[in-house]
C-alpha atoms as a PDB file:
ATOM      1  CA  MET A   1      -3.129  -9.447   3.571  1.00  0.00           C
ATOM      2  CA  ILE A   2      -3.259  -5.966   2.319  1.00  0.00           C
ATOM      3  CA  HIS A   3      -4.015  -3.219   5.215  1.00  0.00           C
ATOM      4  CA  VAL A   4      -5.886  -0.269   4.318  1.00  0.00           C
ATOM      5  CA  HIS A   5      -4.915   2.878   6.187  1.00  0.00           C
ATOM      6  CA  THR A   6      -7.344   5.795   6.359  1.00  0.00           C
ATOM      7  CA  HIS A   7      -7.619   8.601   8.732  1.00  0.00           C
ATOM      8  CA  SER A   8     -11.467   8.726   8.714  1.00  0.00           C
ATOM      9  CA  ARG A   9     -13.932   5.767   8.737  1.00  0.00           C
ATOM     10  CA  ILE A  10     -16.300   7.521   5.882  1.00  0.00           C
ATOM     11  CA  PHE A  11     -14.633   5.673   3.098  1.00  0.00           C
ATOM     12  CA  LYS A  12     -16.798   2.664   2.032  1.00  0.00           C
ATOM     13  CA  THR A  13     -14.240   1.498  -0.845  1.00  0.00           C
ATOM     14  CA  PRO A  14     -10.882   0.329   0.537  1.00  0.00           C
ATOM     15  CA  GLN A  15      -7.858   2.143  -0.886  1.00  0.00           C
ATOM     16  CA  HIS A  16      -5.227  -0.233  -2.067  1.00  0.00           C
ATOM     17  CA  HIS A  17      -2.564   2.364  -2.628  1.00  0.00           C
ATOM     18  CA  SER A  18      -1.308   5.404  -0.910  1.00  0.00           C
ATOM     19  CA  HIS A  19       0.066   8.728  -1.819  1.00  0.00           C
ATOM     20  CA  ASP A  20       3.178   7.214  -2.926  1.00  0.00           C
ATOM     21  CA  TYR A  21       1.372   4.465  -5.157  1.00  0.00           C
ATOM     22  CA  LEU A  22       2.975   1.487  -3.242  1.00  0.00           C
ATOM     23  CA  ILE A  23       1.000  -1.485  -2.298  1.00  0.00           C
ATOM     24  CA  ARG A  24       1.098  -1.996   1.335  1.00  0.00           C
ATOM     25  CA  VAL A  25       1.338  -5.743   2.413  1.00  0.00           C
ATOM     26  CA  SER A  26       2.220  -7.280   5.552  1.00  0.00           C
ATOM     27  CA  SER A  27       5.174  -9.544   6.092  1.00  0.00           C
ATOM     28  CA  ARG A  28       2.515 -12.428   6.640  1.00  0.00           C
ATOM     29  CA  GLY A  29       0.597 -11.407   3.561  1.00  0.00           C
ATOM     30  CA  LEU A  30       3.883 -11.421   1.371  1.00  0.00           C
ATOM     31  CA  ARG A  31       4.173 -15.206   2.072  1.00  0.00           C
ATOM     32  CA  HIS A  32       0.725 -15.738   0.648  1.00  0.00           C
ATOM     33  CA  LEU A  33       1.325 -14.156  -2.562  1.00  0.00           C
ATOM     34  CA  SER A  34       1.539 -16.380  -5.564  1.00  0.00           C
ATOM     35  CA  PHE A  35       4.034 -14.908  -8.077  1.00  0.00           C
ATOM     36  CA  GLU A  36       4.042 -15.920 -11.824  1.00  0.00           C
ATOM     37  CA  HIS A  37       6.720 -15.335 -14.268  1.00  0.00           C
ATOM     38  CA  LEU A  38       6.122 -12.241 -16.467  1.00  0.00           C
ATOM     39  CA  TYR A  39       9.377 -12.016 -18.390  1.00  0.00           C
ATOM     40  CA  THR A  40      13.116 -12.467 -18.454  1.00  0.00           C
ATOM     41  CA  GLU A  41      15.489 -10.577 -20.665  1.00  0.00           C
ATOM     42  CA  ARG A  42      19.133 -10.311 -21.076  1.00  0.00           C
ATOM     43  CA  ASP A  43      20.678  -6.986 -20.060  1.00  0.00           C
ATOM     44  CA  GLU A  44      24.187  -6.614 -20.134  1.00  0.00           C
ATOM     45  CA  THR A  45      24.260  -3.402 -18.136  1.00  0.00           C
ATOM     46  CA  VAL A  46      23.626  -5.707 -15.123  1.00  0.00           C
ATOM     47  CA  ARG A  47      27.283  -6.888 -15.491  1.00  0.00           C
ATOM     48  CA  GLU A  48      28.406  -3.378 -14.193  1.00  0.00           C
ATOM     49  CA  ASP A  49      26.725  -4.086 -11.027  1.00  0.00           C
ATOM     50  CA  THR A  50      28.136  -7.300 -10.010  1.00  0.00           C
ATOM     51  CA  ARG A  51      31.653  -8.822  -9.203  1.00  0.00           C
ATOM     52  CA  LEU A  52      30.311 -12.136 -10.038  1.00  0.00           C
ATOM     53  CA  ALA A  53      30.279 -11.317 -13.688  1.00  0.00           C
ATOM     54  CA  GLY A  54      33.599 -12.088 -14.908  1.00  0.00           C
ATOM     55  CA  PRO A  55      35.121 -14.438 -17.539  1.00  0.00           C
ATOM     56  CA  SER A  56      33.121 -17.361 -16.108  1.00  0.00           C
ATOM     57  CA  THR A  57      29.820 -15.562 -16.658  1.00  0.00           C
ATOM     58  CA  ARG A  58      27.676 -16.391 -19.672  1.00  0.00           C
ATOM     59  CA  CYS A  59      25.175 -13.468 -19.537  1.00  0.00           C
ATOM     60  CA  THR A  60      23.287 -11.079 -17.202  1.00  0.00           C
ATOM     61  CA  GLY A  61      19.767  -9.848 -17.146  1.00  0.00           C
ATOM     62  CA  ILE A  62      16.488  -9.021 -15.355  1.00  0.00           C
ATOM     63  CA  THR A  63      13.420 -11.068 -14.597  1.00  0.00           C
ATOM     64  CA  GLU A  64       9.866  -9.765 -13.642  1.00  0.00           C
ATOM     65  CA  TRP A  65       7.328 -11.594 -11.681  1.00  0.00           C
ATOM     66  CA  GLN A  66       3.846 -10.464 -10.815  1.00  0.00           C
ATOM     67  CA  ALA A  67       1.018 -11.471  -8.309  1.00  0.00           C
ATOM     68  CA  ARG A  68      -2.422 -10.247  -7.336  1.00  0.00           C
ATOM     69  CA  ALA A  69      -3.109  -9.123  -3.900  1.00  0.00           C
ATOM     70  CA  GLU A  70      -6.857  -8.675  -3.514  1.00  0.00           C
ATOM     71  CA  ASN A  71      -7.115  -7.866  -7.235  1.00  0.00           C
ATOM     72  CA  VAL A  72      -4.381  -5.352  -7.063  1.00  0.00           C
ATOM     73  CA  LEU A  73      -1.348  -6.236  -9.387  1.00  0.00           C
ATOM     74  CA  VAL A  74       2.014  -6.577  -7.643  1.00  0.00           C
ATOM     75  CA  SER A  75       5.437  -6.369  -9.470  1.00  0.00           C
ATOM     76  CA  LEU A  76       8.607  -7.750  -8.290  1.00  0.00           C
ATOM     77  CA  ALA A  77      11.791  -7.625 -10.413  1.00  0.00           C
ATOM     78  CA  TRP A  78      15.469  -8.393  -9.932  1.00  0.00           C
ATOM     79  CA  ASP A  79      18.769  -8.679 -11.658  1.00  0.00           C
ATOM     80  CA  TRP A  80      20.320 -12.243 -12.370  1.00  0.00           C
ATOM     81  CA  VAL A  81      23.738 -13.444 -13.449  1.00  0.00           C
ATOM     82  CA  GLN A  82      24.125 -16.985 -15.499  1.00  0.00           C
ATOM     83  CA  LEU A  83      27.353 -18.610 -14.489  1.00  0.00           C
ATOM     84  CA  SER A  84      29.601 -20.577 -16.853  1.00  0.00           C
ATOM     85  CA  ASP A  85      27.768 -23.814 -15.596  1.00  0.00           C
ATOM     86  CA  GLY A  86      24.451 -22.466 -16.660  1.00  0.00           C
ATOM     87  CA  ALA A  87      23.317 -21.956 -12.890  1.00  0.00           C
ATOM     88  CA  LEU A  88      21.295 -18.542 -12.383  1.00  0.00           C
ATOM     89  CA  ARG A  89      21.836 -16.491  -9.397  1.00  0.00           C
ATOM     90  CA  PRO A  90      20.301 -13.123  -8.155  1.00  0.00           C
ATOM     91  CA  VAL A  91      22.369 -10.160  -8.246  1.00  0.00           C
ATOM     92  CA  ARG A  92      22.007  -8.882  -4.707  1.00  0.00           C
ATOM     93  CA  VAL A  93      23.968  -5.604  -5.169  1.00  0.00           C
ATOM     94  CA  VAL A  94      21.007  -3.872  -6.358  1.00  0.00           C
ATOM     95  CA  PRO A  95      17.786  -4.340  -4.266  1.00  0.00           C
ATOM     96  CA  PRO A  96      14.609  -5.908  -5.984  1.00  0.00           C
ATOM     97  CA  ARG A  97      12.417  -3.494  -7.705  1.00  0.00           C
ATOM     98  CA  THR A  98       8.902  -3.570  -6.614  1.00  0.00           C
ATOM     99  CA  ASN A  99       5.672  -1.650  -6.117  1.00  0.00           C
ATOM    100  CA  LEU A 100       5.175  -3.374  -2.680  1.00  0.00           C
ATOM    101  CA  LYS A 101       5.716  -1.537   0.518  1.00  0.00           C
ATOM    102  CA  LEU A 102       5.998  -4.137   3.471  1.00  0.00           C
ATOM    103  CA  ILE A 103       4.404  -3.136   6.780  1.00  0.00           C
ATOM    104  CA  ASP A 104       4.888  -4.702  10.307  1.00  0.00           C
ATOM    105  CA  GLU A 105       2.156  -6.242  12.465  1.00  0.00           C
ATOM    106  CA  LEU A 106       1.022  -2.791  13.611  1.00  0.00           C
ATOM    107  CA  GLY A 107       0.648  -1.390  10.063  1.00  0.00           C
ATOM    108  CA  TYR A 108       3.706   0.923   9.897  1.00  0.00           C
ATOM    109  CA  ASP A 109       6.029   0.814   7.088  1.00  0.00           C
ATOM    110  CA  MET A 110       9.067  -1.426   7.647  1.00  0.00           C
ATOM    111  CA  LEU A 111      12.644  -0.201   7.334  1.00  0.00           C
ATOM    112  CA  GLU A 112      14.149  -0.382   3.844  1.00  0.00           C
ATOM    113  CA  VAL A 113      16.717  -2.838   5.064  1.00  0.00           C
ATOM    114  CA  GLU A 114      14.289  -5.054   6.647  1.00  0.00           C
ATOM    115  CA  SER A 115      11.947  -5.069   3.548  1.00  0.00           C
ATOM    116  CA  VAL A 116      14.750  -5.887   1.249  1.00  0.00           C
ATOM    117  CA  ALA A 117      15.967  -8.880   3.295  1.00  0.00           C
ATOM    118  CA  MET A 118      12.356 -10.199   3.325  1.00  0.00           C
ATOM    119  CA  LEU A 119      12.032  -9.997  -0.410  1.00  0.00           C
ATOM    120  CA  TRP A 120      15.487 -11.654  -1.020  1.00  0.00           C
ATOM    121  CA  GLN A 121      14.283 -14.385   1.322  1.00  0.00           C
ATOM    122  CA  MET A 122      10.915 -14.582  -0.727  1.00  0.00           C
ATOM    123  CA  ILE A 123      12.942 -14.795  -4.053  1.00  0.00           C
ATOM    124  CA  ASP A 124      15.152 -17.439  -2.897  1.00  0.00           C
ATOM    125  CA  ASP A 125      12.066 -19.480  -1.982  1.00  0.00           C
ATOM    126  CA  VAL A 126      10.407 -18.954  -5.463  1.00  0.00           C
ATOM    127  CA  ALA A 127      11.501 -21.520  -8.119  1.00  0.00           C
ATOM    128  CA  TRP A 128      12.518 -18.651 -10.601  1.00  0.00           C
ATOM    129  CA  GLN A 129      15.531 -20.307 -12.263  1.00  0.00           C
ATOM    130  CA  GLY A 130      13.654 -22.745 -14.543  1.00  0.00           C
ATOM    131  CA  CYS A 131      11.346 -20.083 -15.991  1.00  0.00           C
ATOM    132  CA  ALA A 132      14.159 -17.697 -16.314  1.00  0.00           C
ATOM    133  CA  ALA A 133      16.351 -20.422 -17.982  1.00  0.00           C
ATOM    134  CA  THR A 134      13.793 -21.340 -20.499  1.00  0.00           C
ATOM    135  CA  ALA A 135      13.397 -17.697 -21.460  1.00  0.00           C
ATOM    136  CA  ILE A 136      17.119 -17.170 -22.072  1.00  0.00           C
ATOM    137  CA  ALA A 137      17.311 -20.198 -24.177  1.00  0.00           C
ATOM    138  CA  THR A 138      14.869 -18.966 -26.523  1.00  0.00           C
ATOM    139  CA  MET A 139      16.586 -15.513 -26.916  1.00  0.00           C
END
């Protein structure tokens, strides 16, 4: 659920963004977003951000997913590493990149550390590895 914050009740059209252009979504609303794979690509600069990327690492890269929240496009991207056994793992050294700003039940912006933890939990719940592996295999 997207919460609209205005200082006046004269607005008849809800504003889905704020002065910082982030889309405010409650933690409950985050669970209802249905993310779809947008793209995955190799990016060896990600290797610099992780200690996992060693001799047993095949490659590193980024993946981006998108969803619609009340007709507003939401983006969520993160770095990944592919291990020698082919398994893909998110790189948690760098927080996910997104245009989402999570808000609490009172409508206030959540602390960044809380938001990042919730985003990682959501990423863990999304079956992203299969789509990303398919994209990597065609590169």
